[in-house]
Amino acid sequence: MRIYLSLLLATVFALSPLDGVAEEKQIADIKELAGRWQGWVTREQGQERARLIVSADGSYRALTPHGATTEGKFYLQDGKLRYRSSRTIGTASLSEDQGKTMLTVMPDDPKYQTGRAEYERVKE
């Protein structure tokens, strides 16, 4: 009986649509990031709310309510979205899920405890 139940569950999962799974979005031009974003950034003290303002040239400024500021620039390198900030260098990815556009920023150095951030585009 357990085998049949396992097979049934496996079939249901295999055939069901993947709702809630974010799809990575490739960008052809940095201008696509321009605008306002809000989300969370990881800092030494833990996660903190943050706002991100991106200009059409890819330059950005991230601000937290406690006054922490990070400036940097997004750019494309070999078709990959990357960033360089006043604190870290790393990769970024853009994804869409259920009408939300998300931007994830991840430092190259996995030991670096600050810098990882997840933002949602603010619809204006």
PDB file of N, CA and C in Angstrom:
ATOM      1  N   MET A   1       0.820  -1.196   0.000  1.00  0.00           N
ATOM      2  CA  MET A   1       0.000   0.000   0.000  1.00  0.00           C
ATOM      3  C   MET A   1       0.863   1.258   0.000  1.00  0.00           C
ATOM      4  N   ARG A   2       1.949   1.240   0.770  1.00  0.00           N
ATOM      5  CA  ARG A   2       2.828   2.411   0.820  1.00  0.00           C
ATOM      6  C   ARG A   2       3.449   2.690  -0.536  1.00  0.00           C
ATOM      7  N   ILE A   3       3.761   1.652  -1.271  1.00  0.00           N
ATOM      8  CA  ILE A   3       4.355   1.840  -2.600  1.00  0.00           C
ATOM      9  C   ILE A   3       3.367   2.558  -3.517  1.00  0.00           C
ATOM     10  N   TYR A   4       2.095   2.142  -3.470  1.00  0.00           N
ATOM     11  CA  TYR A   4       1.085   2.786  -4.315  1.00  0.00           C
ATOM     12  C   TYR A   4       0.894   4.249  -3.935  1.00  0.00           C
ATOM     13  N   LEU A   5       0.887   4.505  -2.636  1.00  0.00           N
ATOM     14  CA  LEU A   5       0.745   5.883  -2.173  1.00  0.00           C
ATOM     15  C   LEU A   5       1.942   6.721  -2.602  1.00  0.00           C
ATOM     16  N   SER A   6       3.136   6.167  -2.495  1.00  0.00           N
ATOM     17  CA  SER A   6       4.342   6.880  -2.930  1.00  0.00           C
ATOM     18  C   SER A   6       4.304   7.165  -4.422  1.00  0.00           C
ATOM     19  N   LEU A   7       3.883   6.181  -5.208  1.00  0.00           N
ATOM     20  CA  LEU A   7       3.775   6.381  -6.657  1.00  0.00           C
ATOM     21  C   LEU A   7       2.725   7.426  -6.999  1.00  0.00           C
ATOM     22  N   LEU A   8       1.612   7.399  -6.289  1.00  0.00           N
ATOM     23  CA  LEU A   8       0.562   8.386  -6.522  1.00  0.00           C
ATOM     24  C   LEU A   8       1.067   9.795  -6.216  1.00  0.00           C
ATOM     25  N   LEU A   9       1.734   9.961  -5.079  1.00  0.00           N
ATOM     26  CA  LEU A   9       2.262  11.273  -4.723  1.00  0.00           C
ATOM     27  C   LEU A   9       3.323  11.734  -5.713  1.00  0.00           C
ATOM     28  N   ALA A  10       4.186  10.850  -6.134  1.00  0.00           N
ATOM     29  CA  ALA A  10       5.219  11.203  -7.108  1.00  0.00           C
ATOM     30  C   ALA A  10       4.587  11.640  -8.424  1.00  0.00           C
ATOM     31  N   THR A  11       3.529  10.956  -8.850  1.00  0.00           N
ATOM     32  CA  THR A  11       2.836  11.314 -10.089  1.00  0.00           C
ATOM     33  C   THR A  11       2.169  12.679  -9.973  1.00  0.00           C
ATOM     34  N   VAL A  12       1.528  12.934  -8.839  1.00  0.00           N
ATOM     35  CA  VAL A  12       0.860  14.227  -8.632  1.00  0.00           C
ATOM     36  C   VAL A  12       1.876  15.356  -8.692  1.00  0.00           C
ATOM     37  N   PHE A  13       3.005  15.203  -8.008  1.00  0.00           N
ATOM     38  CA  PHE A  13       4.035  16.249  -8.025  1.00  0.00           C
ATOM     39  C   PHE A  13       4.641  16.423  -9.406  1.00  0.00           C
ATOM     40  N   ALA A  14       4.809  15.334 -10.132  1.00  0.00           N
ATOM     41  CA  ALA A  14       5.414  15.412 -11.462  1.00  0.00           C
ATOM     42  C   ALA A  14       4.493  16.104 -12.458  1.00  0.00           C
ATOM     43  N   LEU A  15       3.200  15.912 -12.305  1.00  0.00           N
ATOM     44  CA  LEU A  15       2.247  16.472 -13.265  1.00  0.00           C
ATOM     45  C   LEU A  15       1.692  17.834 -12.874  1.00  0.00           C
ATOM     46  N   SER A  16       1.869  18.233 -11.631  1.00  0.00           N
ATOM     47  CA  SER A  16       1.309  19.518 -11.198  1.00  0.00           C
ATOM     48  C   SER A  16       2.198  20.662 -11.647  1.00  0.00           C
ATOM     49  N   PRO A  17       1.584  21.823 -11.961  1.00  0.00           N
ATOM     50  CA  PRO A  17       2.394  22.988 -12.338  1.00  0.00           C
ATOM     51  C   PRO A  17       3.222  23.453 -11.154  1.00  0.00           C
ATOM     52  N   LEU A  18       4.330  24.102 -11.447  1.00  0.00           N
ATOM     53  CA  LEU A  18       5.239  24.563 -10.402  1.00  0.00           C
ATOM     54  C   LEU A  18       4.894  25.979  -9.977  1.00  0.00           C
ATOM     55  N   ASP A  19       3.732  26.150  -9.378  1.00  0.00           N
ATOM     56  CA  ASP A  19       3.343  27.464  -8.870  1.00  0.00           C
ATOM     57  C   ASP A  19       4.283  27.865  -7.747  1.00  0.00           C
ATOM     58  N   GLY A  20       4.620  29.138  -7.710  1.00  0.00           N
ATOM     59  CA  GLY A  20       5.450  29.638  -6.639  1.00  0.00           C
ATOM     60  C   GLY A  20       6.942  29.465  -6.875  1.00  0.00           C
ATOM     61  N   VAL A  21       7.317  28.897  -8.015  1.00  0.00           N
ATOM     62  CA  VAL A  21       8.730  28.743  -8.327  1.00  0.00           C
ATOM     63  C   VAL A  21       9.152  29.916  -9.194  1.00  0.00           C
ATOM     64  N   ALA A  22      10.059  30.714  -8.677  1.00  0.00           N
ATOM     65  CA  ALA A  22      10.502  31.903  -9.399  1.00  0.00           C
ATOM     66  C   ALA A  22      11.295  31.500 -10.632  1.00  0.00           C
ATOM     67  N   GLU A  23      11.062  32.223 -11.706  1.00  0.00           N
ATOM     68  CA  GLU A  23      11.767  31.974 -12.955  1.00  0.00           C
ATOM     69  C   GLU A  23      12.808  33.061 -13.152  1.00  0.00           C
ATOM     70  N   GLU A  24      14.075  32.638 -13.327  1.00  0.00           N
ATOM     71  CA  GLU A  24      15.139  33.618 -13.531  1.00  0.00           C
ATOM     72  C   GLU A  24      14.924  34.315 -14.866  1.00  0.00           C
ATOM     73  N   LYS A  25      15.132  35.603 -14.847  1.00  0.00           N
ATOM     74  CA  LYS A  25      14.923  36.426 -16.029  1.00  0.00           C
ATOM     75  C   LYS A  25      16.269  36.938 -16.519  1.00  0.00           C
ATOM     76  N   GLN A  26      16.572  36.687 -17.777  1.00  0.00           N
ATOM     77  CA  GLN A  26      17.794  37.207 -18.381  1.00  0.00           C
ATOM     78  C   GLN A  26      17.553  38.658 -18.779  1.00  0.00           C
ATOM     79  N   ILE A  27      18.552  39.494 -18.579  1.00  0.00           N
ATOM     80  CA  ILE A  27      18.414  40.879 -18.997  1.00  0.00           C
ATOM     81  C   ILE A  27      19.433  41.174 -20.082  1.00  0.00           C
ATOM     82  N   ALA A  28      19.025  42.001 -21.005  1.00  0.00           N
ATOM     83  CA  ALA A  28      19.896  42.371 -22.122  1.00  0.00           C
ATOM     84  C   ALA A  28      20.509  43.751 -21.911  1.00  0.00           C
ATOM     85  N   ASP A  29      19.892  44.547 -21.043  1.00  0.00           N
ATOM     86  CA  ASP A  29      20.345  45.912 -20.820  1.00  0.00           C
ATOM     87  C   ASP A  29      20.177  46.269 -19.343  1.00  0.00           C
ATOM     88  N   ILE A  30      21.187  46.846 -18.775  1.00  0.00           N
ATOM     89  CA  ILE A  30      21.173  47.244 -17.365  1.00  0.00           C
ATOM     90  C   ILE A  30      20.020  48.201 -17.069  1.00  0.00           C
ATOM     91  N   LYS A  31      19.567  48.937 -18.062  1.00  0.00           N
ATOM     92  CA  LYS A  31      18.462  49.884 -17.864  1.00  0.00           C
ATOM     93  C   LYS A  31      17.215  49.199 -17.307  1.00  0.00           C
ATOM     94  N   GLU A  32      17.104  47.879 -17.516  1.00  0.00           N
ATOM     95  CA  GLU A  32      15.942  47.133 -17.017  1.00  0.00           C
ATOM     96  C   GLU A  32      15.876  47.132 -15.488  1.00  0.00           C
ATOM     97  N   LEU A  33      16.996  47.391 -14.830  1.00  0.00           N
ATOM     98  CA  LEU A  33      17.026  47.411 -13.365  1.00  0.00           C
ATOM     99  C   LEU A  33      16.652  48.770 -12.782  1.00  0.00           C
ATOM    100  N   ALA A  34      16.625  49.787 -13.622  1.00  0.00           N
ATOM    101  CA  ALA A  34      16.387  51.154 -13.145  1.00  0.00           C
ATOM    102  C   ALA A  34      15.066  51.245 -12.394  1.00  0.00           C
ATOM    103  N   GLY A  35      15.116  51.952 -11.272  1.00  0.00           N
ATOM    104  CA  GLY A  35      13.913  52.163 -10.479  1.00  0.00           C
ATOM    105  C   GLY A  35      14.165  51.953  -9.000  1.00  0.00           C
ATOM    106  N   ARG A  36      13.068  51.815  -8.275  1.00  0.00           N
ATOM    107  CA  ARG A  36      13.145  51.662  -6.819  1.00  0.00           C
ATOM    108  C   ARG A  36      12.819  50.225  -6.431  1.00  0.00           C
ATOM    109  N   TRP A  37      13.550  49.735  -5.434  1.00  0.00           N
ATOM    110  CA  TRP A  37      13.401  48.376  -4.924  1.00  0.00           C
ATOM    111  C   TRP A  37      13.356  48.443  -3.401  1.00  0.00           C
ATOM    112  N   GLN A  38      12.722  47.461  -2.777  1.00  0.00           N
ATOM    113  CA  GLN A  38      12.731  47.379  -1.322  1.00  0.00           C
ATOM    114  C   GLN A  38      12.903  45.917  -0.919  1.00  0.00           C
ATOM    115  N   GLY A  39      13.554  45.703   0.211  1.00  0.00           N
ATOM    116  CA  GLY A  39      13.755  44.325   0.633  1.00  0.00           C
ATOM    117  C   GLY A  39      14.590  44.227   1.882  1.00  0.00           C
ATOM    118  N   TRP A  40      15.429  43.189   1.904  1.00  0.00           N
ATOM    119  CA  TRP A  40      16.239  42.879   3.080  1.00  0.00           C
ATOM    120  C   TRP A  40      17.687  42.711   2.686  1.00  0.00           C
ATOM    121  N   VAL A  41      18.568  43.219   3.521  1.00  0.00           N
ATOM    122  CA  VAL A  41      20.006  43.064   3.328  1.00  0.00           C
ATOM    123  C   VAL A  41      20.581  42.413   4.584  1.00  0.00           C
ATOM    124  N   THR A  42      21.564  41.546   4.394  1.00  0.00           N
ATOM    125  CA  THR A  42      22.216  40.901   5.520  1.00  0.00           C
ATOM    126  C   THR A  42      23.398  41.751   5.950  1.00  0.00           C
ATOM    127  N   ARG A  43      23.425  42.082   7.222  1.00  0.00           N
ATOM    128  CA  ARG A  43      24.514  42.867   7.801  1.00  0.00           C
ATOM    129  C   ARG A  43      25.110  42.092   8.962  1.00  0.00           C
ATOM    130  N   GLU A  44      26.134  42.630   9.574  1.00  0.00           N
ATOM    131  CA  GLU A  44      26.783  41.959  10.696  1.00  0.00           C
ATOM    132  C   GLU A  44      25.779  41.635  11.808  1.00  0.00           C
ATOM    133  N   GLN A  45      24.815  42.512  12.044  1.00  0.00           N
ATOM    134  CA  GLN A  45      23.841  42.355  13.120  1.00  0.00           C
ATOM    135  C   GLN A  45      22.666  41.463  12.730  1.00  0.00           C
ATOM    136  N   GLY A  46      22.604  41.017  11.490  1.00  0.00           N
ATOM    137  CA  GLY A  46      21.467  40.222  11.015  1.00  0.00           C
ATOM    138  C   GLY A  46      20.807  40.902   9.838  1.00  0.00           C
ATOM    139  N   GLN A  47      19.581  40.503   9.550  1.00  0.00           N
ATOM    140  CA  GLN A  47      18.885  41.091   8.409  1.00  0.00           C
ATOM    141  C   GLN A  47      18.240  42.410   8.787  1.00  0.00           C
ATOM    142  N   GLU A  48      18.225  43.304   7.802  1.00  0.00           N
ATOM    143  CA  GLU A  48      17.661  44.635   8.013  1.00  0.00           C
ATOM    144  C   GLU A  48      16.947  45.080   6.745  1.00  0.00           C
ATOM    145  N   ARG A  49      15.859  45.812   6.924  1.00  0.00           N
ATOM    146  CA  ARG A  49      15.128  46.367   5.772  1.00  0.00           C
ATOM    147  C   ARG A  49      16.061  47.282   5.007  1.00  0.00           C
ATOM    148  N   ALA A  50      15.831  47.389   3.701  1.00  0.00           N
ATOM    149  CA  ALA A  50      16.659  48.279   2.889  1.00  0.00           C
ATOM    150  C   ALA A  50      15.876  48.748   1.677  1.00  0.00           C
ATOM    151  N   ARG A  51      16.272  49.921   1.201  1.00  0.00           N
ATOM    152  CA  ARG A  51      15.751  50.467  -0.056  1.00  0.00           C
ATOM    153  C   ARG A  51      16.913  50.508  -1.031  1.00  0.00           C
ATOM    154  N   LEU A  52      16.623  50.252  -2.285  1.00  0.00           N
ATOM    155  CA  LEU A  52      17.639  50.264  -3.330  1.00  0.00           C
ATOM    156  C   LEU A  52      17.128  51.159  -4.449  1.00  0.00           C
ATOM    157  N   ILE A  53      17.956  52.099  -4.863  1.00  0.00           N
ATOM    158  CA  ILE A  53      17.604  52.996  -5.967  1.00  0.00           C
ATOM    159  C   ILE A  53      18.640  52.766  -7.053  1.00  0.00           C
ATOM    160  N   VAL A  54      18.171  52.314  -8.232  1.00  0.00           N
ATOM    161  CA  VAL A  54      19.065  51.995  -9.344  1.00  0.00           C
ATOM    162  C   VAL A  54      18.835  52.991 -10.469  1.00  0.00           C
ATOM    163  N   SER A  55      19.918  53.578 -10.974  1.00  0.00           N
ATOM    164  CA  SER A  55      19.862  54.508 -12.108  1.00  0.00           C
ATOM    165  C   SER A  55      19.956  53.728 -13.421  1.00  0.00           C
ATOM    166  N   ALA A  56      19.625  54.392 -14.516  1.00  0.00           N
ATOM    167  CA  ALA A  56      19.632  53.752 -15.836  1.00  0.00           C
ATOM    168  C   ALA A  56      21.014  53.248 -16.245  1.00  0.00           C
ATOM    169  N   ASP A  57      22.078  53.843 -15.702  1.00  0.00           N
ATOM    170  CA  ASP A  57      23.437  53.392 -16.048  1.00  0.00           C
ATOM    171  C   ASP A  57      23.902  52.234 -15.169  1.00  0.00           C
ATOM    172  N   GLY A  58      23.048  51.762 -14.252  1.00  0.00           N
ATOM    173  CA  GLY A  58      23.383  50.640 -13.388  1.00  0.00           C
ATOM    174  C   GLY A  58      23.932  51.046 -12.030  1.00  0.00           C
ATOM    175  N   SER A  59      24.256  52.320 -11.845  1.00  0.00           N
ATOM    176  CA  SER A  59      24.750  52.743 -10.537  1.00  0.00           C
ATOM    177  C   SER A  59      23.587  52.691  -9.539  1.00  0.00           C
ATOM    178  N   TYR A  60      23.923  52.380  -8.291  1.00  0.00           N
ATOM    179  CA  TYR A  60      22.866  52.259  -7.290  1.00  0.00           C
ATOM    180  C   TYR A  60      23.325  52.741  -5.925  1.00  0.00           C
ATOM    181  N   ARG A  61      22.311  52.909  -5.086  1.00  0.00           N
ATOM    182  CA  ARG A  61      22.535  53.290  -3.697  1.00  0.00           C
ATOM    183  C   ARG A  61      21.534  52.504  -2.857  1.00  0.00           C
ATOM    184  N   ALA A  62      22.039  51.771  -1.865  1.00  0.00           N
ATOM    185  CA  ALA A  62      21.189  51.016  -0.947  1.00  0.00           C
ATOM    186  C   ALA A  62      21.221  51.709   0.410  1.00  0.00           C
ATOM    187  N   LEU A  63      20.064  51.860   1.020  1.00  0.00           N
ATOM    188  CA  LEU A  63      19.935  52.569   2.296  1.00  0.00           C
ATOM    189  C   LEU A  63      19.128  51.733   3.282  1.00  0.00           C
ATOM    190  N   THR A  64      19.551  51.726   4.534  1.00  0.00           N
ATOM    191  CA  THR A  64      18.778  51.067   5.587  1.00  0.00           C
ATOM    192  C   THR A  64      18.208  52.124   6.520  1.00  0.00           C
ATOM    193  N   PRO A  65      17.181  51.783   7.284  1.00  0.00           N
ATOM    194  CA  PRO A  65      16.600  52.749   8.214  1.00  0.00           C
ATOM    195  C   PRO A  65      17.589  53.241   9.275  1.00  0.00           C
ATOM    196  N   HIS A  66      18.625  52.457   9.560  1.00  0.00           N
ATOM    197  CA  HIS A  66      19.602  52.846  10.580  1.00  0.00           C
ATOM    198  C   HIS A  66      20.762  53.635  10.010  1.00  0.00           C
ATOM    199  N   GLY A  67      20.659  54.036   8.750  1.00  0.00           N
ATOM    200  CA  GLY A  67      21.657  54.923   8.174  1.00  0.00           C
ATOM    201  C   GLY A  67      22.794  54.268   7.415  1.00  0.00           C
ATOM    202  N   ALA A  68      22.809  52.943   7.310  1.00  0.00           N
ATOM    203  CA  ALA A  68      23.864  52.287   6.531  1.00  0.00           C
ATOM    204  C   ALA A  68      23.621  52.553   5.049  1.00  0.00           C
ATOM    205  N   THR A  69      24.671  52.908   4.340  1.00  0.00           N
ATOM    206  CA  THR A  69      24.576  53.207   2.917  1.00  0.00           C
ATOM    207  C   THR A  69      25.633  52.418   2.160  1.00  0.00           C
ATOM    208  N   THR A  70      25.226  51.837   1.057  1.00  0.00           N
ATOM    209  CA  THR A  70      26.155  51.146   0.172  1.00  0.00           C
ATOM    210  C   THR A  70      25.930  51.680  -1.227  1.00  0.00           C
ATOM    211  N   GLU A  71      26.999  52.026  -1.912  1.00  0.00           N
ATOM    212  CA  GLU A  71      26.911  52.483  -3.298  1.00  0.00           C
ATOM    213  C   GLU A  71      27.652  51.504  -4.184  1.00  0.00           C
ATOM    214  N   GLY A  72      27.196  51.391  -5.414  1.00  0.00           N
ATOM    215  CA  GLY A  72      27.846  50.466  -6.326  1.00  0.00           C
ATOM    216  C   GLY A  72      27.300  50.583  -7.734  1.00  0.00           C
ATOM    217  N   LYS A  73      27.579  49.562  -8.520  1.00  0.00           N
ATOM    218  CA  LYS A  73      27.139  49.576  -9.908  1.00  0.00           C
ATOM    219  C   LYS A  73      26.898  48.151 -10.387  1.00  0.00           C
ATOM    220  N   PHE A  74      25.755  47.950 -11.055  1.00  0.00           N
ATOM    221  CA  PHE A  74      25.447  46.693 -11.723  1.00  0.00           C
ATOM    222  C   PHE A  74      26.021  46.756 -13.131  1.00  0.00           C
ATOM    223  N   TYR A  75      26.446  45.604 -13.653  1.00  0.00           N
ATOM    224  CA  TYR A  75      26.963  45.543 -15.019  1.00  0.00           C
ATOM    225  C   TYR A  75      26.811  44.123 -15.547  1.00  0.00           C
ATOM    226  N   LEU A  76      26.873  43.984 -16.853  1.00  0.00           N
ATOM    227  CA  LEU A  76      26.817  42.669 -17.488  1.00  0.00           C
ATOM    228  C   LEU A  76      28.227  42.254 -17.864  1.00  0.00           C
ATOM    229  N   GLN A  77      28.574  41.006 -17.544  1.00  0.00           N
ATOM    230  CA  GLN A  77      29.884  40.465 -17.895  1.00  0.00           C
ATOM    231  C   GLN A  77      29.659  39.043 -18.411  1.00  0.00           C
ATOM    232  N   ASP A  78      30.000  38.827 -19.668  1.00  0.00           N
ATOM    233  CA  ASP A  78      29.804  37.517 -20.303  1.00  0.00           C
ATOM    234  C   ASP A  78      28.367  37.031 -20.155  1.00  0.00           C
ATOM    235  N   GLY A  79      27.420  37.945 -20.292  1.00  0.00           N
ATOM    236  CA  GLY A  79      26.004  37.605 -20.208  1.00  0.00           C
ATOM    237  C   GLY A  79      25.465  37.418 -18.798  1.00  0.00           C
ATOM    238  N   LYS A  80      26.297  37.589 -17.798  1.00  0.00           N
ATOM    239  CA  LYS A  80      25.887  37.430 -16.397  1.00  0.00           C
ATOM    240  C   LYS A  80      25.757  38.797 -15.729  1.00  0.00           C
ATOM    241  N   LEU A  81      24.759  38.915 -14.866  1.00  0.00           N
ATOM    242  CA  LEU A  81      24.550  40.141 -14.116  1.00  0.00           C
ATOM    243  C   LEU A  81      25.476  40.131 -12.906  1.00  0.00           C
ATOM    244  N   ARG A  82      26.291  41.170 -12.780  1.00  0.00           N
ATOM    245  CA  ARG A  82      27.261  41.283 -11.690  1.00  0.00           C
ATOM    246  C   ARG A  82      27.123  42.650 -11.046  1.00  0.00           C
ATOM    247  N   TYR A  83      27.782  42.821  -9.903  1.00  0.00           N
ATOM    248  CA  TYR A  83      27.801  44.122  -9.249  1.00  0.00           C
ATOM    249  C   TYR A  83      29.142  44.325  -8.562  1.00  0.00           C
ATOM    250  N   ARG A  84      29.453  45.565  -8.342  1.00  0.00           N
ATOM    251  CA  ARG A  84      30.614  45.965  -7.547  1.00  0.00           C
ATOM    252  C   ARG A  84      30.104  47.079  -6.641  1.00  0.00           C
ATOM    253  N   SER A  85      30.295  46.903  -5.337  1.00  0.00           N
ATOM    254  CA  SER A  85      29.821  47.918  -4.399  1.00  0.00           C
ATOM    255  C   SER A  85      30.982  48.442  -3.567  1.00  0.00           C
ATOM    256  N   SER A  86      30.661  49.360  -2.685  1.00  0.00           N
ATOM    257  CA  SER A  86      31.667  49.901  -1.772  1.00  0.00           C
ATOM    258  C   SER A  86      32.070  48.858  -0.733  1.00  0.00           C
ATOM    259  N   ARG A  87      31.358  47.725  -0.681  1.00  0.00           N
ATOM    260  CA  ARG A  87      31.654  46.676   0.300  1.00  0.00           C
ATOM    261  C   ARG A  87      32.051  45.346  -0.322  1.00  0.00           C
ATOM    262  N   THR A  88      31.407  44.954  -1.407  1.00  0.00           N
ATOM    263  CA  THR A  88      31.625  43.617  -1.978  1.00  0.00           C
ATOM    264  C   THR A  88      31.577  43.634  -3.498  1.00  0.00           C
ATOM    265  N   ILE A  89      31.952  42.501  -4.061  1.00  0.00           N
ATOM    266  CA  ILE A  89      31.816  42.220  -5.496  1.00  0.00           C
ATOM    267  C   ILE A  89      31.052  40.910  -5.575  1.00  0.00           C
ATOM    268  N   GLY A  90      30.164  40.784  -6.556  1.00  0.00           N
ATOM    269  CA  GLY A  90      29.437  39.526  -6.638  1.00  0.00           C
ATOM    270  C   GLY A  90      28.505  39.428  -7.815  1.00  0.00           C
ATOM    271  N   THR A  91      27.579  38.494  -7.696  1.00  0.00           N
ATOM    272  CA  THR A  91      26.608  38.234  -8.749  1.00  0.00           C
ATOM    273  C   THR A  91      25.239  38.733  -8.319  1.00  0.00           C
ATOM    274  N   ALA A  92      24.408  38.932  -9.294  1.00  0.00           N
ATOM    275  CA  ALA A  92      23.023  39.328  -9.033  1.00  0.00           C
ATOM    276  C   ALA A  92      22.139  38.542  -9.988  1.00  0.00           C
ATOM    277  N   SER A  93      20.907  38.351  -9.603  1.00  0.00           N
ATOM    278  CA  SER A  93      19.961  37.668 -10.485  1.00  0.00           C
ATOM    279  C   SER A  93      18.605  38.337 -10.374  1.00  0.00           C
ATOM    280  N   LEU A  94      17.911  38.321 -11.477  1.00  0.00           N
ATOM    281  CA  LEU A  94      16.575  38.897 -11.570  1.00  0.00           C
ATOM    282  C   LEU A  94      15.611  37.745 -11.795  1.00  0.00           C
ATOM    283  N   SER A  95      14.505  37.729 -11.063  1.00  0.00           N
ATOM    284  CA  SER A  95      13.522  36.667 -11.246  1.00  0.00           C
ATOM    285  C   SER A  95      12.118  37.247 -11.141  1.00  0.00           C
ATOM    286  N   GLU A  96      11.166  36.494 -11.694  1.00  0.00           N
ATOM    287  CA  GLU A  96       9.769  36.896 -11.631  1.00  0.00           C
ATOM    288  C   GLU A  96       8.961  35.743 -11.084  1.00  0.00           C
ATOM    289  N   ASP A  97       8.026  36.069 -10.194  1.00  0.00           N
ATOM    290  CA  ASP A  97       7.173  35.058  -9.600  1.00  0.00           C
ATOM    291  C   ASP A  97       5.865  35.713  -9.191  1.00  0.00           C
ATOM    292  N   GLN A  98       4.775  35.220  -9.728  1.00  0.00           N
ATOM    293  CA  GLN A  98       3.432  35.692  -9.386  1.00  0.00           C
ATOM    294  C   GLN A  98       3.307  37.208  -9.453  1.00  0.00           C
ATOM    295  N   GLY A  99       3.821  37.798 -10.524  1.00  0.00           N
ATOM    296  CA  GLY A  99       3.694  39.232 -10.751  1.00  0.00           C
ATOM    297  C   GLY A  99       4.697  40.084  -9.999  1.00  0.00           C
ATOM    298  N   LYS A 100       5.609  39.485  -9.262  1.00  0.00           N
ATOM    299  CA  LYS A 100       6.630  40.230  -8.527  1.00  0.00           C
ATOM    300  C   LYS A 100       7.972  40.058  -9.215  1.00  0.00           C
ATOM    301  N   THR A 101       8.708  41.150  -9.324  1.00  0.00           N
ATOM    302  CA  THR A 101      10.061  41.098  -9.865  1.00  0.00           C
ATOM    303  C   THR A 101      11.020  41.210  -8.700  1.00  0.00           C
ATOM    304  N   MET A 102      11.906  40.226  -8.583  1.00  0.00           N
ATOM    305  CA  MET A 102      12.833  40.149  -7.470  1.00  0.00           C
ATOM    306  C   MET A 102      14.266  40.267  -7.966  1.00  0.00           C
ATOM    307  N   LEU A 103      15.093  40.948  -7.189  1.00  0.00           N
ATOM    308  CA  LEU A 103      16.516  41.111  -7.471  1.00  0.00           C
ATOM    309  C   LEU A 103      17.278  40.560  -6.273  1.00  0.00           C
ATOM    310  N   THR A 104      18.128  39.578  -6.521  1.00  0.00           N
ATOM    311  CA  THR A 104      18.946  38.973  -5.466  1.00  0.00           C
ATOM    312  C   THR A 104      20.401  39.304  -5.728  1.00  0.00           C
ATOM    313  N   VAL A 105      21.085  39.775  -4.704  1.00  0.00           N
ATOM    314  CA  VAL A 105      22.486  40.168  -4.789  1.00  0.00           C
ATOM    315  C   VAL A 105      23.271  39.263  -3.839  1.00  0.00           C
ATOM    316  N   MET A 106      24.334  38.617  -4.361  1.00  0.00           N
ATOM    317  CA  MET A 106      25.107  37.672  -3.565  1.00  0.00           C
ATOM    318  C   MET A 106      26.600  37.929  -3.724  1.00  0.00           C
ATOM    319  N   PRO A 107      27.310  38.198  -2.619  1.00  0.00           N
ATOM    320  CA  PRO A 107      28.762  38.416  -2.697  1.00  0.00           C
ATOM    321  C   PRO A 107      29.477  37.164  -3.202  1.00  0.00           C
ATOM    322  N   ASP A 108      30.588  37.352  -3.916  1.00  0.00           N
ATOM    323  CA  ASP A 108      31.382  36.229  -4.402  1.00  0.00           C
ATOM    324  C   ASP A 108      32.003  35.439  -3.259  1.00  0.00           C
ATOM    325  N   ASP A 109      32.412  36.125  -2.212  1.00  0.00           N
ATOM    326  CA  ASP A 109      33.067  35.463  -1.098  1.00  0.00           C
ATOM    327  C   ASP A 109      32.007  34.912  -0.142  1.00  0.00           C
ATOM    328  N   PRO A 110      31.841  33.575  -0.084  1.00  0.00           N
ATOM    329  CA  PRO A 110      30.784  33.003   0.776  1.00  0.00           C
ATOM    330  C   PRO A 110      31.043  33.217   2.260  1.00  0.00           C
ATOM    331  N   LYS A 111      32.259  33.551   2.636  1.00  0.00           N
ATOM    332  CA  LYS A 111      32.573  33.795   4.045  1.00  0.00           C
ATOM    333  C   LYS A 111      32.163  35.194   4.472  1.00  0.00           C
ATOM    334  N   TYR A 112      31.919  36.043   3.500  1.00  0.00           N
ATOM    335  CA  TYR A 112      31.561  37.421   3.799  1.00  0.00           C
ATOM    336  C   TYR A 112      30.122  37.444   4.303  1.00  0.00           C
ATOM    337  N   GLN A 113      29.911  37.819   5.549  1.00  0.00           N
ATOM    338  CA  GLN A 113      28.600  37.716   6.188  1.00  0.00           C
ATOM    339  C   GLN A 113      27.660  38.863   5.854  1.00  0.00           C
ATOM    340  N   THR A 114      28.154  39.896   5.233  1.00  0.00           N
ATOM    341  CA  THR A 114      27.269  41.001   4.891  1.00  0.00           C
ATOM    342  C   THR A 114      27.159  41.108   3.383  1.00  0.00           C
ATOM    343  N   GLY A 115      26.134  41.719   2.933  1.00  0.00           N
ATOM    344  CA  GLY A 115      26.015  41.985   1.516  1.00  0.00           C
ATOM    345  C   GLY A 115      24.908  41.253   0.802  1.00  0.00           C
ATOM    346  N   ARG A 116      24.562  40.018   1.215  1.00  0.00           N
ATOM    347  CA  ARG A 116      23.481  39.309   0.535  1.00  0.00           C
ATOM    348  C   ARG A 116      22.195  40.103   0.740  1.00  0.00           C
ATOM    349  N   ALA A 117      21.494  40.311  -0.356  1.00  0.00           N
ATOM    350  CA  ALA A 117      20.270  41.097  -0.269  1.00  0.00           C
ATOM    351  C   ALA A 117      19.234  40.564  -1.246  1.00  0.00           C
ATOM    352  N   GLU A 118      17.983  40.731  -0.884  1.00  0.00           N
ATOM    353  CA  GLU A 118      16.868  40.371  -1.748  1.00  0.00           C
ATOM    354  C   GLU A 118      15.900  41.545  -1.778  1.00  0.00           C
ATOM    355  N   TYR A 119      15.611  42.002  -2.984  1.00  0.00           N
ATOM    356  CA  TYR A 119      14.756  43.172  -3.167  1.00  0.00           C
ATOM    357  C   TYR A 119      13.584  42.842  -4.088  1.00  0.00           C
ATOM    358  N   GLU A 120      12.474  43.526  -3.850  1.00  0.00           N
ATOM    359  CA  GLU A 120      11.324  43.447  -4.740  1.00  0.00           C
ATOM    360  C   GLU A 120      11.138  44.812  -5.386  1.00  0.00           C
ATOM    361  N   ARG A 121      10.864  44.807  -6.701  1.00  0.00           N
ATOM    362  CA  ARG A 121      10.654  46.073  -7.415  1.00  0.00           C
ATOM    363  C   ARG A 121       9.418  46.776  -6.853  1.00  0.00           C
ATOM    364  N   VAL A 122       9.551  48.063  -6.609  1.00  0.00           N
ATOM    365  CA  VAL A 122       8.439  48.877  -6.143  1.00  0.00           C
ATOM    366  C   VAL A 122       7.678  49.359  -7.366  1.00  0.00           C
ATOM    367  N   LYS A 123       6.408  49.025  -7.422  1.00  0.00           N
ATOM    368  CA  LYS A 123       5.593  49.451  -8.554  1.00  0.00           C
ATOM    369  C   LYS A 123       5.148  50.884  -8.324  1.00  0.00           C
ATOM    370  N   GLU A 124       5.430  51.704  -9.306  1.00  0.00           N
ATOM    371  CA  GLU A 124       5.095  53.137  -9.158  1.00  0.00           C
ATOM    372  C   GLU A 124       3.952  53.527 -10.044  1.00  0.00           C
TER     373      GLU A 124
END
